[in-house]
Amino acid sequence: MSQKGTHTDPAEFIGDLDAGVFAEKLGRALSDVALGTVENSKDGSVTVTFKVKRIAESNQVDVSHKIHSKTATLRGFAQEEDTTRTPMHVGRGGRMSLSPENQGDFFPRPARETSE
């Protein structure tokens, strides 16, 4: 098992949000805006906003993640906003992850018998 650093891994973090659905929504928003920009020769935008709030007195935070997209259309723009939330554990150095760093193995391997 590789040793993980103390900083949040951005790719893992985005993949964990809303059980992977956030990453799919972000990909779709980026593609829609790119297509609208090419088809209508107008700029578009995708804005991602994260808000982090502590959950009670725990080592967990509630991460609110919002995607706002502005897609060019023939006669103007179409805007869409989607906000969801995901609870995350905070480990050493502020590293955020879905599960705590010190979580035990759910499926421990049985000890092997040795023959002498």
N, C-alpha and C. Protein backbone atom coordinates (compact mmCIF):
# COMPACT_ATOMS: atom_id res chain seq x y z
N MET A 1 0.84 -1.17 0.00
CA MET A 1 0.00 0.00 0.00
C MET A 1 0.89 1.24 0.00
N SER A 2 0.60 2.18 -0.87
CA SER A 2 1.44 3.37 -0.97
C SER A 2 1.13 4.34 0.16
N GLN A 3 2.16 5.08 0.55
CA GLN A 3 2.00 6.08 1.60
C GLN A 3 1.39 7.33 0.98
N LYS A 4 0.29 7.80 1.53
CA LYS A 4 -0.36 9.00 1.02
C LYS A 4 0.21 10.22 1.71
N GLY A 5 0.28 11.34 0.96
CA GLY A 5 0.79 12.58 1.51
C GLY A 5 -0.21 13.19 2.48
N THR A 6 0.17 14.35 3.01
CA THR A 6 -0.70 15.00 3.98
C THR A 6 -1.61 16.04 3.34
N HIS A 7 -1.48 16.25 2.04
CA HIS A 7 -2.35 17.20 1.35
C HIS A 7 -3.44 16.45 0.59
N THR A 8 -4.54 17.12 0.37
CA THR A 8 -5.67 16.53 -0.34
C THR A 8 -5.29 16.29 -1.80
N ASP A 9 -5.54 15.09 -2.29
CA ASP A 9 -5.31 14.74 -3.69
C ASP A 9 -6.50 15.27 -4.50
N PRO A 10 -6.30 16.28 -5.36
CA PRO A 10 -7.44 16.89 -6.07
C PRO A 10 -8.24 15.91 -6.93
N ALA A 11 -7.57 15.01 -7.63
CA ALA A 11 -8.29 14.06 -8.48
C ALA A 11 -9.14 13.11 -7.64
N GLU A 12 -8.57 12.61 -6.56
CA GLU A 12 -9.31 11.71 -5.66
C GLU A 12 -10.47 12.45 -5.01
N PHE A 13 -10.21 13.68 -4.58
CA PHE A 13 -11.22 14.51 -3.92
C PHE A 13 -12.43 14.73 -4.84
N ILE A 14 -12.18 15.16 -6.06
CA ILE A 14 -13.29 15.42 -7.00
C ILE A 14 -14.02 14.12 -7.33
N GLY A 15 -13.28 13.02 -7.46
CA GLY A 15 -13.92 11.73 -7.72
C GLY A 15 -14.78 11.24 -6.57
N ASP A 16 -14.43 11.63 -5.34
CA ASP A 16 -15.19 11.22 -4.16
C ASP A 16 -16.48 12.02 -3.96
N LEU A 17 -16.52 13.25 -4.47
CA LEU A 17 -17.68 14.10 -4.23
C LEU A 17 -18.95 13.51 -4.83
N ASP A 18 -19.97 13.42 -4.01
CA ASP A 18 -21.27 12.90 -4.42
C ASP A 18 -21.13 11.54 -5.10
N ALA A 19 -20.22 10.71 -4.58
CA ALA A 19 -19.99 9.35 -5.06
C ALA A 19 -19.64 9.30 -6.54
N GLY A 20 -18.88 10.30 -7.01
CA GLY A 20 -18.46 10.33 -8.41
C GLY A 20 -19.38 11.08 -9.35
N VAL A 21 -20.58 11.39 -8.89
CA VAL A 21 -21.55 12.09 -9.73
C VAL A 21 -21.08 13.52 -10.03
N PHE A 22 -20.42 14.17 -9.06
CA PHE A 22 -19.93 15.53 -9.29
C PHE A 22 -18.97 15.57 -10.47
N ALA A 23 -18.06 14.62 -10.55
CA ALA A 23 -17.09 14.57 -11.65
C ALA A 23 -17.81 14.41 -13.00
N GLU A 24 -18.84 13.58 -13.03
CA GLU A 24 -19.62 13.40 -14.26
C GLU A 24 -20.33 14.70 -14.65
N LYS A 25 -20.93 15.38 -13.67
CA LYS A 25 -21.61 16.65 -13.94
C LYS A 25 -20.62 17.70 -14.45
N LEU A 26 -19.43 17.73 -13.85
CA LEU A 26 -18.42 18.69 -14.26
C LEU A 26 -17.98 18.42 -15.70
N GLY A 27 -17.75 17.17 -16.02
CA GLY A 27 -17.37 16.80 -17.39
C GLY A 27 -18.43 17.20 -18.40
N ARG A 28 -19.68 16.97 -18.05
CA ARG A 28 -20.79 17.33 -18.94
C ARG A 28 -20.88 18.84 -19.12
N ALA A 29 -20.75 19.59 -18.02
CA ALA A 29 -20.80 21.06 -18.10
C ALA A 29 -19.68 21.59 -18.98
N LEU A 30 -18.47 21.08 -18.82
CA LEU A 30 -17.34 21.52 -19.63
C LEU A 30 -17.58 21.24 -21.12
N SER A 31 -18.09 20.06 -21.43
CA SER A 31 -18.36 19.69 -22.82
C SER A 31 -19.47 20.56 -23.42
N ASP A 32 -20.54 20.79 -22.66
CA ASP A 32 -21.65 21.61 -23.16
C ASP A 32 -21.20 23.04 -23.44
N VAL A 33 -20.40 23.60 -22.55
CA VAL A 33 -19.91 24.97 -22.73
C VAL A 33 -18.96 25.04 -23.93
N ALA A 34 -18.09 24.07 -24.06
CA ALA A 34 -17.16 24.05 -25.20
C ALA A 34 -17.93 23.97 -26.52
N LEU A 35 -18.93 23.09 -26.57
CA LEU A 35 -19.72 22.94 -27.79
C LEU A 35 -20.49 24.22 -28.11
N GLY A 36 -21.11 24.84 -27.11
CA GLY A 36 -21.83 26.09 -27.32
C GLY A 36 -20.92 27.20 -27.80
N THR A 37 -19.69 27.23 -27.29
CA THR A 37 -18.72 28.24 -27.70
C THR A 37 -18.32 28.06 -29.16
N VAL A 38 -18.07 26.83 -29.57
CA VAL A 38 -17.68 26.55 -30.95
C VAL A 38 -18.85 26.80 -31.92
N GLU A 39 -20.03 26.35 -31.56
CA GLU A 39 -21.18 26.47 -32.46
C GLU A 39 -21.69 27.90 -32.60
N ASN A 40 -21.52 28.74 -31.55
CA ASN A 40 -22.12 30.08 -31.55
C ASN A 40 -21.09 31.21 -31.50
N SER A 41 -19.82 30.89 -31.52
CA SER A 41 -18.73 31.89 -31.50
C SER A 41 -18.89 32.91 -30.38
N LYS A 42 -19.31 32.45 -29.21
CA LYS A 42 -19.41 33.30 -28.01
C LYS A 42 -18.74 32.57 -26.86
N ASP A 43 -18.15 33.36 -25.97
CA ASP A 43 -17.50 32.78 -24.80
C ASP A 43 -18.53 32.17 -23.85
N GLY A 44 -18.13 31.12 -23.16
CA GLY A 44 -18.94 30.52 -22.11
C GLY A 44 -18.09 30.40 -20.86
N SER A 45 -18.66 29.86 -19.80
CA SER A 45 -17.88 29.70 -18.57
C SER A 45 -18.42 28.57 -17.72
N VAL A 46 -17.52 27.98 -16.96
CA VAL A 46 -17.86 26.98 -15.95
C VAL A 46 -17.16 27.41 -14.67
N THR A 47 -17.92 27.59 -13.60
CA THR A 47 -17.36 27.99 -12.32
C THR A 47 -17.66 26.92 -11.29
N VAL A 48 -16.63 26.50 -10.57
CA VAL A 48 -16.79 25.51 -9.50
C VAL A 48 -16.51 26.21 -8.18
N THR A 49 -17.43 26.05 -7.22
CA THR A 49 -17.28 26.67 -5.91
C THR A 49 -17.38 25.60 -4.83
N PHE A 50 -16.42 25.62 -3.90
CA PHE A 50 -16.45 24.73 -2.75
C PHE A 50 -16.62 25.56 -1.49
N LYS A 51 -17.54 25.14 -0.61
CA LYS A 51 -17.67 25.74 0.72
C LYS A 51 -17.48 24.62 1.72
N VAL A 52 -16.67 24.87 2.73
CA VAL A 52 -16.33 23.84 3.71
C VAL A 52 -16.79 24.29 5.08
N LYS A 53 -17.59 23.43 5.74
CA LYS A 53 -18.15 23.76 7.05
C LYS A 53 -17.92 22.56 7.99
N ARG A 54 -17.49 22.84 9.20
CA ARG A 54 -17.23 21.78 10.17
C ARG A 54 -18.54 21.12 10.60
N ILE A 55 -18.48 19.80 10.79
CA ILE A 55 -19.64 19.05 11.28
C ILE A 55 -19.48 18.89 12.78
N ALA A 56 -20.32 19.57 13.54
CA ALA A 56 -20.30 19.53 15.01
C ALA A 56 -18.88 19.73 15.53
N GLU A 57 -18.46 18.91 16.50
CA GLU A 57 -17.12 19.02 17.08
C GLU A 57 -16.25 17.85 16.62
N SER A 58 -16.47 17.40 15.41
CA SER A 58 -15.76 16.23 14.89
C SER A 58 -14.59 16.64 13.99
N ASN A 59 -13.91 15.64 13.48
CA ASN A 59 -12.85 15.85 12.49
C ASN A 59 -13.41 15.64 11.09
N GLN A 60 -14.66 16.06 10.92
CA GLN A 60 -15.31 15.96 9.62
C GLN A 60 -15.79 17.34 9.18
N VAL A 61 -15.89 17.49 7.86
CA VAL A 61 -16.42 18.73 7.29
C VAL A 61 -17.50 18.37 6.28
N ASP A 62 -18.40 19.30 6.09
CA ASP A 62 -19.43 19.18 5.06
C ASP A 62 -18.96 20.05 3.90
N VAL A 63 -18.70 19.42 2.76
CA VAL A 63 -18.23 20.15 1.58
C VAL A 63 -19.41 20.38 0.65
N SER A 64 -19.76 21.65 0.47
CA SER A 64 -20.79 22.03 -0.49
C SER A 64 -20.07 22.31 -1.81
N HIS A 65 -20.51 21.66 -2.88
CA HIS A 65 -19.84 21.83 -4.17
C HIS A 65 -20.87 22.26 -5.21
N LYS A 66 -20.54 23.37 -5.88
CA LYS A 66 -21.47 23.96 -6.83
C LYS A 66 -20.80 24.10 -8.19
N ILE A 67 -21.55 23.74 -9.23
CA ILE A 67 -21.12 23.96 -10.61
C ILE A 67 -22.08 24.96 -11.22
N HIS A 68 -21.54 26.06 -11.74
CA HIS A 68 -22.36 27.05 -12.44
C HIS A 68 -21.81 27.14 -13.86
N SER A 69 -22.68 26.91 -14.83
CA SER A 69 -22.23 26.98 -16.22
C SER A 69 -23.06 27.99 -17.00
N LYS A 70 -22.40 28.64 -17.92
CA LYS A 70 -23.02 29.61 -18.82
C LYS A 70 -22.66 29.18 -20.23
N THR A 71 -23.65 28.65 -20.95
CA THR A 71 -23.42 28.08 -22.27
C THR A 71 -23.99 29.00 -23.35
N ALA A 72 -23.19 29.30 -24.36
CA ALA A 72 -23.63 30.14 -25.47
C ALA A 72 -24.70 29.41 -26.29
N THR A 73 -25.74 30.15 -26.66
CA THR A 73 -26.79 29.62 -27.54
C THR A 73 -26.92 30.56 -28.73
N LEU A 74 -27.78 30.21 -29.66
CA LEU A 74 -27.98 31.02 -30.86
C LEU A 74 -28.43 32.44 -30.53
N ARG A 75 -29.30 32.59 -29.54
CA ARG A 75 -29.86 33.91 -29.20
C ARG A 75 -29.45 34.43 -27.83
N GLY A 76 -28.39 33.92 -27.27
CA GLY A 76 -27.96 34.39 -25.95
C GLY A 76 -27.17 33.35 -25.21
N PHE A 77 -27.59 33.07 -23.97
CA PHE A 77 -26.90 32.11 -23.12
C PHE A 77 -27.90 31.29 -22.32
N ALA A 78 -27.52 30.07 -22.00
CA ALA A 78 -28.27 29.23 -21.08
C ALA A 78 -27.40 29.05 -19.84
N GLN A 79 -27.97 29.27 -18.67
CA GLN A 79 -27.22 29.13 -17.43
C GLN A 79 -27.80 28.00 -16.60
N GLU A 80 -26.93 27.28 -15.95
CA GLU A 80 -27.36 26.18 -15.09
C GLU A 80 -26.49 26.18 -13.84
N GLU A 81 -27.12 25.85 -12.70
CA GLU A 81 -26.39 25.77 -11.45
C GLU A 81 -26.83 24.51 -10.71
N ASP A 82 -25.86 23.79 -10.20
CA ASP A 82 -26.14 22.55 -9.48
C ASP A 82 -25.29 22.53 -8.21
N THR A 83 -25.94 22.36 -7.06
CA THR A 83 -25.22 22.32 -5.78
C THR A 83 -25.56 21.04 -5.03
N THR A 84 -24.54 20.34 -4.57
CA THR A 84 -24.72 19.15 -3.73
C THR A 84 -23.69 19.22 -2.60
N ARG A 85 -23.80 18.26 -1.65
CA ARG A 85 -22.93 18.26 -0.48
C ARG A 85 -22.42 16.86 -0.21
N THR A 86 -21.20 16.80 0.32
CA THR A 86 -20.57 15.53 0.68
C THR A 86 -19.82 15.69 2.00
N PRO A 87 -20.06 14.81 2.98
CA PRO A 87 -19.27 14.85 4.21
C PRO A 87 -17.90 14.20 3.96
N MET A 88 -16.86 14.81 4.50
CA MET A 88 -15.50 14.30 4.32
C MET A 88 -14.78 14.27 5.67
N HIS A 89 -13.86 13.32 5.82
CA HIS A 89 -13.00 13.25 7.00
C HIS A 89 -11.77 14.12 6.76
N VAL A 90 -11.28 14.73 7.84
CA VAL A 90 -10.07 15.55 7.75
C VAL A 90 -8.97 14.86 8.54
N GLY A 91 -7.88 14.53 7.85
CA GLY A 91 -6.77 13.84 8.49
C GLY A 91 -5.59 14.76 8.70
N ARG A 92 -4.42 14.14 8.86
CA ARG A 92 -3.18 14.89 9.08
C ARG A 92 -2.95 15.91 7.98
N GLY A 93 -2.55 17.10 8.37
CA GLY A 93 -2.22 18.14 7.41
C GLY A 93 -3.43 18.71 6.69
N GLY A 94 -4.65 18.32 7.11
CA GLY A 94 -5.86 18.82 6.47
C GLY A 94 -6.32 17.97 5.30
N ARG A 95 -5.72 16.79 5.12
CA ARG A 95 -6.08 15.92 4.00
C ARG A 95 -7.52 15.46 4.13
N MET A 96 -8.34 15.78 3.11
CA MET A 96 -9.74 15.37 3.11
C MET A 96 -9.91 14.08 2.33
N SER A 97 -10.73 13.17 2.89
CA SER A 97 -11.02 11.90 2.22
C SER A 97 -12.38 11.39 2.71
N LEU A 98 -12.93 10.44 1.97
CA LEU A 98 -14.23 9.88 2.36
C LEU A 98 -14.16 9.08 3.65
N SER A 99 -13.06 8.37 3.85
CA SER A 99 -12.94 7.55 5.05
C SER A 99 -11.78 8.05 5.91
N PRO A 100 -11.86 7.83 7.21
CA PRO A 100 -10.78 8.29 8.09
C PRO A 100 -9.47 7.55 7.80
N GLU A 101 -8.36 8.21 8.07
CA GLU A 101 -7.04 7.61 7.81
C GLU A 101 -6.80 6.35 8.64
N ASN A 102 -7.30 6.34 9.87
CA ASN A 102 -7.02 5.23 10.78
C ASN A 102 -8.12 4.17 10.78
N GLN A 103 -8.90 4.12 9.73
CA GLN A 103 -9.97 3.12 9.66
C GLN A 103 -9.36 1.74 9.50
N GLY A 104 -9.85 0.79 10.27
CA GLY A 104 -9.34 -0.57 10.21
C GLY A 104 -9.76 -1.29 8.94
N ASP A 105 -9.15 -2.43 8.71
CA ASP A 105 -9.46 -3.24 7.54
C ASP A 105 -10.78 -3.97 7.78
N PHE A 106 -11.73 -3.79 6.86
CA PHE A 106 -13.04 -4.45 7.00
C PHE A 106 -12.95 -5.96 6.79
N PHE A 107 -12.02 -6.39 5.98
CA PHE A 107 -11.89 -7.80 5.63
C PHE A 107 -10.47 -8.29 5.92
N PRO A 108 -10.15 -8.47 7.19
CA PRO A 108 -8.79 -8.92 7.50
C PRO A 108 -8.56 -10.33 6.98
N ARG A 109 -7.34 -10.58 6.56
CA ARG A 109 -6.99 -11.92 6.06
C ARG A 109 -6.72 -12.84 7.24
N PRO A 110 -7.21 -14.08 7.16
CA PRO A 110 -6.94 -15.01 8.27
C PRO A 110 -5.45 -15.35 8.33
N ALA A 111 -4.99 -15.61 9.53
CA ALA A 111 -3.59 -15.97 9.72
C ALA A 111 -3.33 -17.34 9.09
N ARG A 112 -2.18 -17.49 8.47
CA ARG A 112 -1.83 -18.76 7.84
C ARG A 112 -1.20 -19.70 8.87
N GLU A 113 -1.55 -20.95 8.74
CA GLU A 113 -0.96 -21.95 9.62
C GLU A 113 0.39 -22.34 9.04
N THR A 114 1.36 -22.55 9.87
CA THR A 114 2.67 -22.95 9.38
C THR A 114 2.89 -24.41 9.78
N SER A 115 3.48 -25.15 8.87
CA SER A 115 3.78 -26.57 9.18
C SER A 115 5.26 -26.70 9.53
N GLU A 116 5.51 -27.50 10.53
CA GLU A 116 6.89 -27.67 10.98
C GLU A 116 7.33 -29.07 10.81
